[in-house]
N, C-alpha and C. Protein backbone atom coordinates (compact mmCIF):
# COMPACT_ATOMS: atom_id res chain seq x y z
N ILE A 1 -10.07 81.76 77.47
CA ILE A 1 -10.32 80.36 77.79
C ILE A 1 -10.08 79.50 76.56
N TRP A 2 -10.51 79.97 75.39
CA TRP A 2 -10.40 79.18 74.17
C TRP A 2 -9.33 79.79 73.27
N GLN A 3 -8.23 79.12 73.13
CA GLN A 3 -7.15 79.61 72.28
C GLN A 3 -7.33 79.04 70.89
N SER A 4 -7.33 79.90 69.88
CA SER A 4 -7.71 79.47 68.53
C SER A 4 -6.58 78.83 67.76
N ASP A 5 -5.33 79.27 67.94
CA ASP A 5 -4.24 78.78 67.11
C ASP A 5 -3.08 78.28 67.95
N TYR A 6 -2.44 77.20 67.48
CA TYR A 6 -1.24 76.67 68.10
C TYR A 6 -0.21 76.43 67.00
N THR A 7 1.04 76.70 67.30
CA THR A 7 2.11 76.44 66.34
C THR A 7 2.52 74.98 66.42
N ILE A 8 2.63 74.31 65.27
CA ILE A 8 3.03 72.91 65.20
C ILE A 8 4.53 72.86 64.94
N THR A 9 5.27 72.18 65.81
CA THR A 9 6.72 72.09 65.69
C THR A 9 7.15 70.64 65.83
N ASN A 10 7.97 70.17 64.89
CA ASN A 10 8.53 68.82 64.98
C ASN A 10 9.75 68.83 65.89
N PHE A 11 9.87 67.81 66.75
CA PHE A 11 11.02 67.66 67.63
C PHE A 11 11.57 66.25 67.51
N GLY A 12 12.88 66.12 67.68
CA GLY A 12 13.50 64.82 67.76
C GLY A 12 13.51 64.04 66.47
N THR A 13 13.36 64.71 65.33
CA THR A 13 13.41 64.03 64.04
C THR A 13 14.31 64.83 63.11
N SER A 14 14.55 64.28 61.93
CA SER A 14 15.36 64.98 60.94
C SER A 14 14.61 66.17 60.34
N ALA A 15 13.30 66.22 60.58
CA ALA A 15 12.47 67.31 60.03
C ALA A 15 12.06 68.28 61.12
N GLU A 16 13.01 68.63 62.02
CA GLU A 16 12.71 69.55 63.10
C GLU A 16 12.41 70.94 62.57
N GLY A 17 11.50 71.63 63.26
CA GLY A 17 11.16 73.00 62.88
C GLY A 17 9.66 73.20 62.84
N VAL A 18 9.25 74.46 62.66
CA VAL A 18 7.84 74.81 62.58
C VAL A 18 7.29 74.36 61.24
N VAL A 19 6.18 73.61 61.27
CA VAL A 19 5.61 73.08 60.04
C VAL A 19 4.21 73.60 59.75
N GLY A 20 3.60 74.31 60.68
CA GLY A 20 2.27 74.82 60.40
C GLY A 20 1.57 75.30 61.65
N THR A 21 0.24 75.41 61.55
CA THR A 21 -0.59 75.93 62.63
C THR A 21 -1.78 75.01 62.85
N TRP A 22 -2.06 74.74 64.11
CA TRP A 22 -3.24 73.94 64.47
C TRP A 22 -4.33 74.89 64.94
N THR A 23 -5.49 74.83 64.29
CA THR A 23 -6.58 75.72 64.64
C THR A 23 -7.61 74.98 65.49
N GLU A 24 -8.58 75.70 66.01
CA GLU A 24 -9.60 75.08 66.85
C GLU A 24 -10.39 74.04 66.05
N PHE A 25 -10.92 73.07 66.78
CA PHE A 25 -11.69 71.96 66.23
C PHE A 25 -10.82 71.00 65.43
N GLY A 26 -9.50 71.00 65.64
CA GLY A 26 -8.67 69.97 65.07
C GLY A 26 -8.30 70.15 63.61
N ARG A 27 -8.42 71.35 63.08
CA ARG A 27 -7.99 71.60 61.70
C ARG A 27 -6.58 72.19 61.73
N TYR A 28 -5.73 71.75 60.81
CA TYR A 28 -4.38 72.30 60.78
C TYR A 28 -4.05 72.84 59.40
N ILE A 29 -3.22 73.87 59.39
CA ILE A 29 -2.78 74.51 58.15
C ILE A 29 -1.28 74.33 58.05
N VAL A 30 -0.82 73.63 57.02
CA VAL A 30 0.60 73.38 56.83
C VAL A 30 1.25 74.63 56.24
N SER A 31 2.49 74.90 56.64
CA SER A 31 3.20 76.07 56.14
C SER A 31 3.53 75.91 54.66
N ASN A 32 4.15 76.93 54.08
CA ASN A 32 4.45 76.93 52.64
C ASN A 32 5.49 75.89 52.24
N SER A 33 6.27 75.42 53.21
CA SER A 33 7.30 74.44 52.90
C SER A 33 6.68 73.08 52.60
N LYS A 34 6.71 72.66 51.33
CA LYS A 34 6.10 71.40 50.95
C LYS A 34 6.95 70.19 51.36
N GLU A 35 8.21 70.43 51.66
CA GLU A 35 9.09 69.33 52.00
C GLU A 35 8.94 68.88 53.45
N THR A 36 8.34 69.74 54.28
CA THR A 36 8.21 69.43 55.69
C THR A 36 6.85 68.82 55.99
N GLN A 37 6.86 67.66 56.64
CA GLN A 37 5.64 67.01 57.04
C GLN A 37 5.53 67.00 58.56
N ILE A 38 4.31 66.94 59.04
CA ILE A 38 4.10 66.87 60.47
C ILE A 38 4.40 65.45 60.95
N ILE A 39 5.26 65.34 61.95
CA ILE A 39 5.56 64.05 62.54
C ILE A 39 4.70 63.92 63.80
N TRP A 40 3.68 63.05 63.72
CA TRP A 40 2.75 62.90 64.82
C TRP A 40 3.30 61.93 65.86
N SER A 41 2.62 61.85 67.00
CA SER A 41 3.01 60.93 68.06
C SER A 41 3.11 59.51 67.50
N GLY A 42 4.20 58.82 67.85
CA GLY A 42 4.44 57.51 67.28
C GLY A 42 5.31 57.57 66.04
N LYS A 43 5.84 58.79 65.74
CA LYS A 43 6.71 59.02 64.59
C LYS A 43 6.05 58.59 63.28
N THR A 44 4.81 59.03 63.11
CA THR A 44 4.08 58.75 61.88
C THR A 44 3.66 60.05 61.22
N THR A 45 3.53 60.02 59.89
CA THR A 45 3.09 61.21 59.14
C THR A 45 1.59 61.19 58.89
N ILE A 46 0.91 60.15 59.37
CA ILE A 46 -0.55 60.06 59.21
C ILE A 46 -1.22 60.87 60.31
N SER A 47 -2.00 61.86 59.92
CA SER A 47 -2.64 62.73 60.91
C SER A 47 -3.74 61.99 61.65
N PRO A 48 -3.90 62.25 62.95
CA PRO A 48 -4.94 61.58 63.73
C PRO A 48 -6.33 62.05 63.30
N GLU A 49 -7.28 61.14 63.37
CA GLU A 49 -8.66 61.48 63.05
C GLU A 49 -9.39 61.89 64.31
N ARG A 50 -10.24 62.85 64.14
CA ARG A 50 -11.02 63.29 65.28
C ARG A 50 -12.16 62.31 65.53
N LYS A 51 -12.15 61.71 66.71
CA LYS A 51 -13.16 60.72 67.05
C LYS A 51 -14.29 61.38 67.83
N SER A 52 -15.50 61.05 67.46
CA SER A 52 -16.66 61.60 68.16
C SER A 52 -16.87 60.88 69.49
N ILE A 53 -17.44 61.59 70.45
CA ILE A 53 -17.73 61.01 71.75
C ILE A 53 -19.09 60.33 71.66
N SER A 54 -19.09 59.03 71.76
CA SER A 54 -20.34 58.28 71.64
C SER A 54 -20.91 57.98 73.02
N GLY A 55 -22.21 57.77 73.05
CA GLY A 55 -22.86 57.45 74.31
C GLY A 55 -23.14 58.67 75.15
N LEU A 56 -23.63 58.43 76.34
CA LEU A 56 -24.00 59.50 77.26
C LEU A 56 -22.94 59.67 78.34
N LEU A 57 -22.36 60.86 78.43
CA LEU A 57 -21.38 61.14 79.47
C LEU A 57 -22.10 61.41 80.79
N ARG A 58 -21.66 60.73 81.83
CA ARG A 58 -22.22 60.96 83.17
C ARG A 58 -21.23 61.84 83.93
N VAL A 59 -21.68 63.05 84.28
CA VAL A 59 -20.81 64.10 84.80
C VAL A 59 -21.13 64.38 86.27
N LEU A 60 -20.16 64.15 87.15
CA LEU A 60 -20.33 64.46 88.56
C LEU A 60 -20.20 65.97 88.78
N VAL A 61 -21.13 66.53 89.55
CA VAL A 61 -21.13 67.96 89.82
C VAL A 61 -21.26 68.20 91.32
N PRO A 62 -20.20 68.65 91.99
CA PRO A 62 -20.29 69.02 93.41
C PRO A 62 -20.85 70.43 93.56
N ILE A 63 -21.31 70.74 94.75
CA ILE A 63 -21.84 72.08 95.02
C ILE A 63 -20.68 73.01 95.38
N SER A 64 -20.46 74.02 94.54
CA SER A 64 -19.40 74.99 94.77
C SER A 64 -19.74 76.27 94.02
N ALA A 65 -20.68 77.05 94.59
CA ALA A 65 -21.08 78.30 93.95
C ALA A 65 -19.92 79.28 93.95
N PRO A 66 -19.75 80.07 92.89
CA PRO A 66 -20.65 80.23 91.73
C PRO A 66 -20.28 79.32 90.55
N PHE A 67 -19.44 78.32 90.77
CA PHE A 67 -18.98 77.48 89.67
C PHE A 67 -19.97 76.37 89.34
N SER A 68 -20.58 75.79 90.36
CA SER A 68 -21.54 74.71 90.14
C SER A 68 -22.51 74.65 91.32
N PHE A 69 -23.78 74.77 91.03
CA PHE A 69 -24.79 74.73 92.09
C PHE A 69 -26.15 74.40 91.49
N ILE A 70 -27.09 74.06 92.36
CA ILE A 70 -28.46 73.74 91.93
C ILE A 70 -29.42 74.32 92.93
N ASN A 71 -30.70 73.90 92.85
CA ASN A 71 -31.72 74.33 93.78
C ASN A 71 -31.29 74.03 95.21
N SER A 72 -31.36 75.04 96.09
CA SER A 72 -30.86 74.90 97.45
C SER A 72 -31.60 73.82 98.24
N THR A 73 -32.89 73.62 97.94
CA THR A 73 -33.67 72.59 98.64
C THR A 73 -33.13 71.21 98.33
N ILE A 74 -32.80 70.98 97.06
CA ILE A 74 -32.23 69.68 96.67
C ILE A 74 -30.88 69.50 97.32
N SER A 75 -30.08 70.55 97.40
CA SER A 75 -28.76 70.45 98.00
C SER A 75 -28.86 70.08 99.47
N ALA A 76 -29.83 70.67 100.16
CA ALA A 76 -29.98 70.40 101.58
C ALA A 76 -30.39 68.96 101.83
N ASN A 77 -31.13 68.37 100.90
CA ASN A 77 -31.58 67.00 101.06
C ASN A 77 -30.51 65.98 100.64
N ASN A 78 -29.43 66.46 100.06
CA ASN A 78 -28.37 65.57 99.61
C ASN A 78 -27.46 65.26 100.80
N THR A 79 -27.68 64.14 101.44
CA THR A 79 -26.98 63.84 102.69
C THR A 79 -26.04 62.65 102.57
N GLY A 80 -25.47 62.42 101.43
CA GLY A 80 -24.47 61.37 101.31
C GLY A 80 -24.61 60.48 100.10
N LYS A 81 -25.70 60.58 99.38
CA LYS A 81 -25.92 59.73 98.22
C LYS A 81 -25.72 60.51 96.93
N ILE A 82 -25.19 59.83 95.94
CA ILE A 82 -25.04 60.44 94.61
C ILE A 82 -26.41 60.46 93.95
N LEU A 83 -26.88 61.65 93.58
CA LEU A 83 -28.21 61.80 93.01
C LEU A 83 -28.12 61.98 91.50
N ASP A 84 -28.74 61.05 90.76
CA ASP A 84 -28.73 61.13 89.30
C ASP A 84 -30.11 61.35 88.72
N ASN A 85 -31.06 61.76 89.56
CA ASN A 85 -32.44 61.97 89.09
C ASN A 85 -32.80 63.45 88.99
N ILE A 86 -31.78 64.32 88.98
CA ILE A 86 -32.03 65.76 88.88
C ILE A 86 -31.88 66.19 87.43
N PRO A 87 -32.86 66.89 86.86
CA PRO A 87 -32.76 67.33 85.45
C PRO A 87 -31.54 68.23 85.22
N ASN A 88 -30.97 68.12 84.03
CA ASN A 88 -29.78 68.92 83.70
C ASN A 88 -30.02 70.42 83.85
N GLU A 89 -31.23 70.87 83.52
CA GLU A 89 -31.49 72.31 83.55
C GLU A 89 -31.47 72.88 84.96
N ASN A 90 -31.53 72.03 85.99
CA ASN A 90 -31.47 72.52 87.37
C ASN A 90 -30.05 72.86 87.80
N PHE A 91 -29.06 72.43 87.04
CA PHE A 91 -27.67 72.71 87.38
C PHE A 91 -27.26 74.05 86.76
N GLN A 92 -26.57 74.86 87.54
CA GLN A 92 -26.13 76.17 87.08
C GLN A 92 -24.71 76.42 87.54
N GLY A 93 -24.13 77.53 87.06
CA GLY A 93 -22.79 77.92 87.49
C GLY A 93 -21.86 78.16 86.32
N VAL A 94 -20.74 78.80 86.61
CA VAL A 94 -19.77 79.14 85.57
C VAL A 94 -19.23 77.90 84.89
N ALA A 95 -18.78 76.92 85.68
CA ALA A 95 -18.21 75.70 85.11
C ALA A 95 -19.26 74.89 84.37
N VAL A 96 -20.47 74.89 84.89
CA VAL A 96 -21.56 74.14 84.25
C VAL A 96 -21.89 74.74 82.89
N GLU A 97 -21.97 76.07 82.81
CA GLU A 97 -22.28 76.71 81.52
C GLU A 97 -21.15 76.52 80.53
N LEU A 98 -19.91 76.54 81.02
CA LEU A 98 -18.78 76.29 80.14
C LEU A 98 -18.86 74.88 79.56
N PHE A 99 -19.22 73.92 80.40
CA PHE A 99 -19.34 72.53 79.93
C PHE A 99 -20.47 72.42 78.90
N ARG A 100 -21.56 73.14 79.12
CA ARG A 100 -22.66 73.12 78.15
C ARG A 100 -22.19 73.66 76.79
N ASN A 101 -21.41 74.73 76.81
CA ASN A 101 -20.92 75.30 75.56
C ASN A 101 -19.97 74.35 74.84
N VAL A 102 -19.12 73.67 75.61
CA VAL A 102 -18.22 72.67 75.01
C VAL A 102 -19.03 71.56 74.38
N SER A 103 -20.09 71.13 75.05
CA SER A 103 -20.95 70.07 74.51
C SER A 103 -21.56 70.48 73.17
N LYS A 104 -21.98 71.73 73.07
CA LYS A 104 -22.58 72.20 71.82
C LYS A 104 -21.55 72.27 70.70
N ARG A 105 -20.34 72.70 71.03
CA ARG A 105 -19.31 72.88 70.00
C ARG A 105 -18.73 71.54 69.54
N VAL A 106 -18.55 70.62 70.49
CA VAL A 106 -17.96 69.33 70.15
C VAL A 106 -19.03 68.35 69.68
N GLY A 107 -20.18 68.38 70.33
CA GLY A 107 -21.27 67.52 69.94
C GLY A 107 -21.33 66.21 70.71
N PHE A 108 -21.79 66.25 71.95
CA PHE A 108 -21.96 65.02 72.72
C PHE A 108 -23.10 65.24 73.74
N SER A 109 -23.64 64.12 74.21
CA SER A 109 -24.73 64.17 75.19
C SER A 109 -24.17 63.90 76.58
N TYR A 110 -24.84 64.41 77.59
CA TYR A 110 -24.34 64.28 78.96
C TYR A 110 -25.50 64.24 79.95
N LYS A 111 -25.20 63.76 81.14
CA LYS A 111 -26.16 63.76 82.26
C LYS A 111 -25.43 64.21 83.49
N PHE A 112 -25.87 65.34 84.06
CA PHE A 112 -25.28 65.83 85.29
C PHE A 112 -25.74 64.98 86.48
N VAL A 113 -24.80 64.66 87.35
CA VAL A 113 -25.07 63.86 88.54
C VAL A 113 -24.53 64.61 89.75
N LEU A 114 -25.37 64.78 90.77
CA LEU A 114 -24.98 65.57 91.94
C LEU A 114 -24.08 64.77 92.87
N TRP A 115 -22.88 65.32 93.13
CA TRP A 115 -21.97 64.71 94.09
C TRP A 115 -22.42 65.09 95.51
N PRO A 116 -22.42 64.14 96.45
CA PRO A 116 -22.96 64.40 97.80
C PRO A 116 -22.22 65.53 98.51
N VAL A 117 -22.99 66.39 99.17
CA VAL A 117 -22.41 67.47 99.96
C VAL A 117 -21.70 66.88 101.17
N GLY A 118 -20.49 67.32 101.40
CA GLY A 118 -19.74 66.85 102.55
C GLY A 118 -18.78 65.71 102.26
N ARG A 119 -18.96 65.01 101.14
CA ARG A 119 -18.03 63.93 100.81
C ARG A 119 -16.79 64.53 100.16
N PRO A 120 -15.60 64.01 100.46
CA PRO A 120 -14.35 64.60 99.97
C PRO A 120 -14.28 64.63 98.45
N TRP A 121 -13.71 65.72 97.94
CA TRP A 121 -13.54 65.85 96.50
C TRP A 121 -12.44 64.92 96.00
N ASN A 122 -11.47 64.59 96.86
CA ASN A 122 -10.45 63.63 96.44
C ASN A 122 -11.07 62.29 96.09
N GLU A 123 -12.10 61.93 96.83
CA GLU A 123 -12.82 60.69 96.52
C GLU A 123 -13.52 60.80 95.17
N MET A 124 -14.08 61.98 94.88
CA MET A 124 -14.74 62.19 93.60
C MET A 124 -13.76 62.03 92.44
N VAL A 125 -12.55 62.57 92.61
CA VAL A 125 -11.53 62.44 91.56
C VAL A 125 -11.14 60.98 91.38
N ARG A 126 -11.03 60.24 92.48
CA ARG A 126 -10.69 58.82 92.38
C ARG A 126 -11.81 58.05 91.67
N VAL A 127 -13.05 58.43 91.93
CA VAL A 127 -14.18 57.77 91.27
C VAL A 127 -14.13 58.00 89.77
N VAL A 128 -13.85 59.23 89.36
CA VAL A 128 -13.76 59.54 87.93
C VAL A 128 -12.61 58.78 87.29
N GLY A 129 -11.49 58.65 88.00
CA GLY A 129 -10.32 57.99 87.44
C GLY A 129 -10.41 56.47 87.43
N ASP A 130 -11.38 55.91 88.13
CA ASP A 130 -11.53 54.45 88.17
C ASP A 130 -12.07 53.95 86.83
N GLU A 131 -11.37 53.00 86.22
CA GLU A 131 -11.78 52.47 84.91
C GLU A 131 -13.15 51.80 84.97
N ASN A 132 -13.53 51.28 86.13
CA ASN A 132 -14.80 50.58 86.26
C ASN A 132 -15.92 51.49 86.77
N SER A 133 -15.62 52.78 86.89
CA SER A 133 -16.61 53.72 87.39
C SER A 133 -17.67 54.03 86.33
N PRO A 134 -18.92 54.21 86.73
CA PRO A 134 -19.97 54.59 85.77
C PRO A 134 -19.93 56.07 85.40
N TYR A 135 -19.03 56.83 86.05
CA TYR A 135 -18.96 58.27 85.82
C TYR A 135 -17.72 58.61 84.98
N ASP A 136 -17.90 59.54 84.05
CA ASP A 136 -16.86 59.83 83.07
C ASP A 136 -16.01 61.04 83.41
N THR A 137 -16.59 62.04 84.05
CA THR A 137 -15.85 63.26 84.33
C THR A 137 -16.54 64.01 85.45
N ALA A 138 -15.94 65.12 85.86
CA ALA A 138 -16.51 65.98 86.90
C ALA A 138 -16.32 67.43 86.50
N VAL A 139 -17.26 68.27 86.91
CA VAL A 139 -17.23 69.68 86.52
C VAL A 139 -17.45 70.55 87.75
N SER A 140 -16.49 71.43 88.03
CA SER A 140 -16.63 72.41 89.11
C SER A 140 -15.31 73.14 89.25
N SER A 141 -15.13 73.81 90.38
CA SER A 141 -13.86 74.51 90.66
C SER A 141 -12.93 73.53 91.35
N ILE A 142 -12.45 72.55 90.62
CA ILE A 142 -11.63 71.48 91.18
C ILE A 142 -10.16 71.87 91.10
N THR A 143 -9.52 71.97 92.25
CA THR A 143 -8.11 72.34 92.30
C THR A 143 -7.25 71.18 91.81
N VAL A 144 -6.29 71.49 90.96
CA VAL A 144 -5.39 70.47 90.43
C VAL A 144 -4.23 70.28 91.41
N THR A 145 -4.08 69.06 91.92
CA THR A 145 -2.97 68.73 92.82
C THR A 145 -2.24 67.51 92.26
N ALA A 146 -1.04 67.30 92.76
CA ALA A 146 -0.25 66.15 92.29
C ALA A 146 -0.95 64.84 92.62
N LYS A 147 -1.55 64.75 93.80
CA LYS A 147 -2.23 63.53 94.20
C LYS A 147 -3.43 63.26 93.31
N ARG A 148 -4.21 64.29 93.02
CA ARG A 148 -5.38 64.11 92.16
C ARG A 148 -4.98 63.79 90.74
N SER A 149 -3.88 64.38 90.27
CA SER A 149 -3.42 64.12 88.91
C SER A 149 -2.98 62.68 88.72
N SER A 150 -2.67 61.99 89.81
CA SER A 150 -2.29 60.58 89.69
C SER A 150 -3.49 59.68 89.46
N HIS A 151 -4.69 60.22 89.65
CA HIS A 151 -5.91 59.43 89.46
C HIS A 151 -6.67 59.82 88.20
N ALA A 152 -6.59 61.08 87.81
CA ALA A 152 -7.38 61.54 86.67
C ALA A 152 -6.64 62.67 85.95
N SER A 153 -7.03 62.92 84.70
CA SER A 153 -6.45 64.01 83.91
C SER A 153 -7.32 65.25 84.06
N PHE A 154 -6.68 66.41 83.92
CA PHE A 154 -7.38 67.68 84.07
C PHE A 154 -7.24 68.52 82.80
N THR A 155 -8.21 69.39 82.59
CA THR A 155 -8.12 70.36 81.50
C THR A 155 -7.20 71.49 81.92
N ARG A 156 -6.95 72.42 81.01
CA ARG A 156 -6.20 73.61 81.36
C ARG A 156 -7.00 74.44 82.36
N SER A 157 -6.32 75.08 83.29
CA SER A 157 -7.00 75.90 84.28
C SER A 157 -7.69 77.08 83.61
N ILE A 158 -8.89 77.40 84.09
CA ILE A 158 -9.65 78.51 83.54
C ILE A 158 -9.86 79.62 84.56
N TYR A 159 -9.36 79.40 85.79
CA TYR A 159 -9.61 80.39 86.83
C TYR A 159 -8.47 80.37 87.84
N LEU A 160 -7.98 81.55 88.22
CA LEU A 160 -6.97 81.69 89.26
C LEU A 160 -7.64 82.31 90.48
N SER A 161 -7.52 81.64 91.62
CA SER A 161 -8.26 82.07 92.80
C SER A 161 -7.71 83.36 93.40
N GLY A 162 -6.39 83.58 93.31
CA GLY A 162 -5.82 84.78 93.90
C GLY A 162 -5.79 84.75 95.42
N LEU A 163 -5.82 83.56 96.00
CA LEU A 163 -5.79 83.45 97.46
C LEU A 163 -4.43 83.85 98.01
N LEU A 164 -4.44 84.48 99.16
CA LEU A 164 -3.21 84.89 99.84
C LEU A 164 -3.18 84.30 101.25
N ILE A 165 -2.00 84.15 101.80
CA ILE A 165 -1.83 83.64 103.15
C ILE A 165 -1.42 84.79 104.07
N MET A 166 -2.15 84.99 105.15
CA MET A 166 -1.84 86.03 106.12
C MET A 166 -1.24 85.39 107.36
N VAL A 167 -0.14 85.96 107.82
CA VAL A 167 0.53 85.46 109.03
C VAL A 167 0.71 86.63 110.00
N PRO A 168 0.72 86.34 111.28
CA PRO A 168 0.90 87.44 112.25
C PRO A 168 2.29 88.05 112.16
N ARG A 169 2.37 89.35 112.40
CA ARG A 169 3.65 90.04 112.38
C ARG A 169 4.45 89.65 113.62
N PRO A 170 5.75 89.40 113.47
CA PRO A 170 6.57 89.04 114.64
C PRO A 170 6.50 90.11 115.71
N SER A 171 6.41 89.69 116.95
CA SER A 171 6.31 90.65 118.06
C SER A 171 7.58 91.50 118.15
N GLY A 172 7.39 92.77 118.49
CA GLY A 172 8.53 93.66 118.64
C GLY A 172 9.01 94.28 117.35
N ARG A 173 8.35 93.96 116.23
CA ARG A 173 8.78 94.51 114.95
C ARG A 173 7.77 95.54 114.49
N GLY A 174 8.21 96.77 114.35
CA GLY A 174 7.33 97.83 113.90
C GLY A 174 7.18 97.84 112.39
N MET A 175 6.53 98.89 111.88
CA MET A 175 6.34 99.00 110.45
C MET A 175 7.64 99.37 109.76
N ASP A 176 8.00 98.61 108.74
CA ASP A 176 9.25 98.82 108.01
C ASP A 176 8.93 99.40 106.64
N PHE A 177 9.29 100.66 106.41
CA PHE A 177 8.99 101.31 105.13
C PHE A 177 9.90 100.83 104.01
N TRP A 178 10.97 100.08 104.33
CA TRP A 178 11.91 99.61 103.32
C TRP A 178 11.77 98.11 103.08
N VAL A 179 10.62 97.56 103.48
CA VAL A 179 10.44 96.12 103.37
C VAL A 179 10.45 95.66 101.92
N PHE A 180 10.11 96.57 100.98
CA PHE A 180 10.07 96.16 99.57
C PHE A 180 11.46 95.80 99.04
N PHE A 181 12.52 96.26 99.75
CA PHE A 181 13.87 95.89 99.33
C PHE A 181 14.16 94.41 99.55
N GLU A 182 13.39 93.77 100.43
CA GLU A 182 13.63 92.36 100.75
C GLU A 182 13.21 91.44 99.60
N GLY A 183 12.48 91.98 98.64
CA GLY A 183 12.00 91.15 97.54
C GLY A 183 13.10 90.70 96.59
N LEU A 184 14.20 91.47 96.49
CA LEU A 184 15.30 91.15 95.58
C LEU A 184 16.63 91.24 96.33
N GLU A 185 17.62 90.53 95.83
CA GLU A 185 18.96 90.60 96.40
C GLU A 185 19.60 91.95 96.06
N TRP A 186 20.63 92.32 96.85
CA TRP A 186 21.25 93.62 96.65
C TRP A 186 21.91 93.73 95.28
N LYS A 187 22.35 92.59 94.72
CA LYS A 187 22.97 92.62 93.39
C LYS A 187 21.95 93.04 92.33
N ILE A 188 20.73 92.57 92.49
CA ILE A 188 19.69 92.94 91.52
C ILE A 188 19.37 94.42 91.63
N TRP A 189 19.24 94.91 92.88
CA TRP A 189 18.97 96.34 93.05
C TRP A 189 20.10 97.19 92.47
N LEU A 190 21.35 96.75 92.66
CA LEU A 190 22.49 97.47 92.11
C LEU A 190 22.43 97.49 90.59
N LEU A 191 22.10 96.35 90.00
CA LEU A 191 21.99 96.29 88.55
C LEU A 191 20.89 97.22 88.03
N LEU A 192 19.76 97.25 88.72
CA LEU A 192 18.67 98.15 88.32
C LEU A 192 19.10 99.62 88.43
N PHE A 193 19.83 99.94 89.49
CA PHE A 193 20.29 101.31 89.68
C PHE A 193 21.26 101.72 88.59
N LEU A 194 22.23 100.85 88.26
CA LEU A 194 23.19 101.15 87.21
C LEU A 194 22.50 101.26 85.85
N THR A 195 21.50 100.40 85.62
CA THR A 195 20.74 100.47 84.36
C THR A 195 20.00 101.80 84.25
N PHE A 196 19.43 102.25 85.37
CA PHE A 196 18.74 103.53 85.40
C PHE A 196 19.70 104.67 85.06
N LEU A 197 20.91 104.65 85.65
CA LEU A 197 21.90 105.69 85.37
C LEU A 197 22.33 105.65 83.91
N PHE A 198 22.52 104.43 83.37
CA PHE A 198 22.98 104.31 81.98
C PHE A 198 21.93 104.84 81.02
N VAL A 199 20.67 104.45 81.23
CA VAL A 199 19.59 104.91 80.34
C VAL A 199 19.44 106.42 80.46
N GLY A 200 19.56 106.95 81.69
CA GLY A 200 19.45 108.41 81.87
C GLY A 200 20.58 109.14 81.16
N PHE A 201 21.77 108.57 81.19
CA PHE A 201 22.92 109.19 80.53
C PHE A 201 22.74 109.17 79.01
N ILE A 202 22.19 108.08 78.45
CA ILE A 202 22.02 107.96 77.01
C ILE A 202 21.02 108.99 76.49
N PHE A 203 19.94 109.24 77.24
CA PHE A 203 18.88 110.12 76.75
C PHE A 203 18.99 111.53 77.29
N MET A 204 20.14 111.89 77.85
CA MET A 204 20.32 113.28 78.32
C MET A 204 20.44 114.24 77.13
């Protein structure tokens, strides 16, 4: 989930090339080449300063176990209104704990707010993306879609659902033991076969 190092590369300037490494928490290590400088966004050599998050972040949390959930009695009573009177410690889940850890590492305060059960999540994303909204972000197993991305920004994905689609088998078609051949074109299979023969011939 947390990648510690990123390679810094200049593009579109006379100083193109790898110039160093960016580490977690915004620290960067310049490579041994003293002549190469990092060209930041805006074509400037002045490195950006890390700005602290001031104020209290109001975080919308929908019910989606095991990623985000609270006391079941409170959830049952949530019939359409956004509830902001629930203590933070009542919220649990994978995404909630991850957000707590980020808060500790970055250093900011937050207030979890319960998103109403049954109200569309697309509406929640629009609320977060509204400049006049009192809510700053949302935490849960929120699927990233093109429509939602037009309203708000998303972090990198931390979970792959692995969902599959099942469809009925066409009538009159029995079990096909060679169905795996349909995954690739015959040219690819031929290339794999010739590669197998070549490698076998080399190591005979």
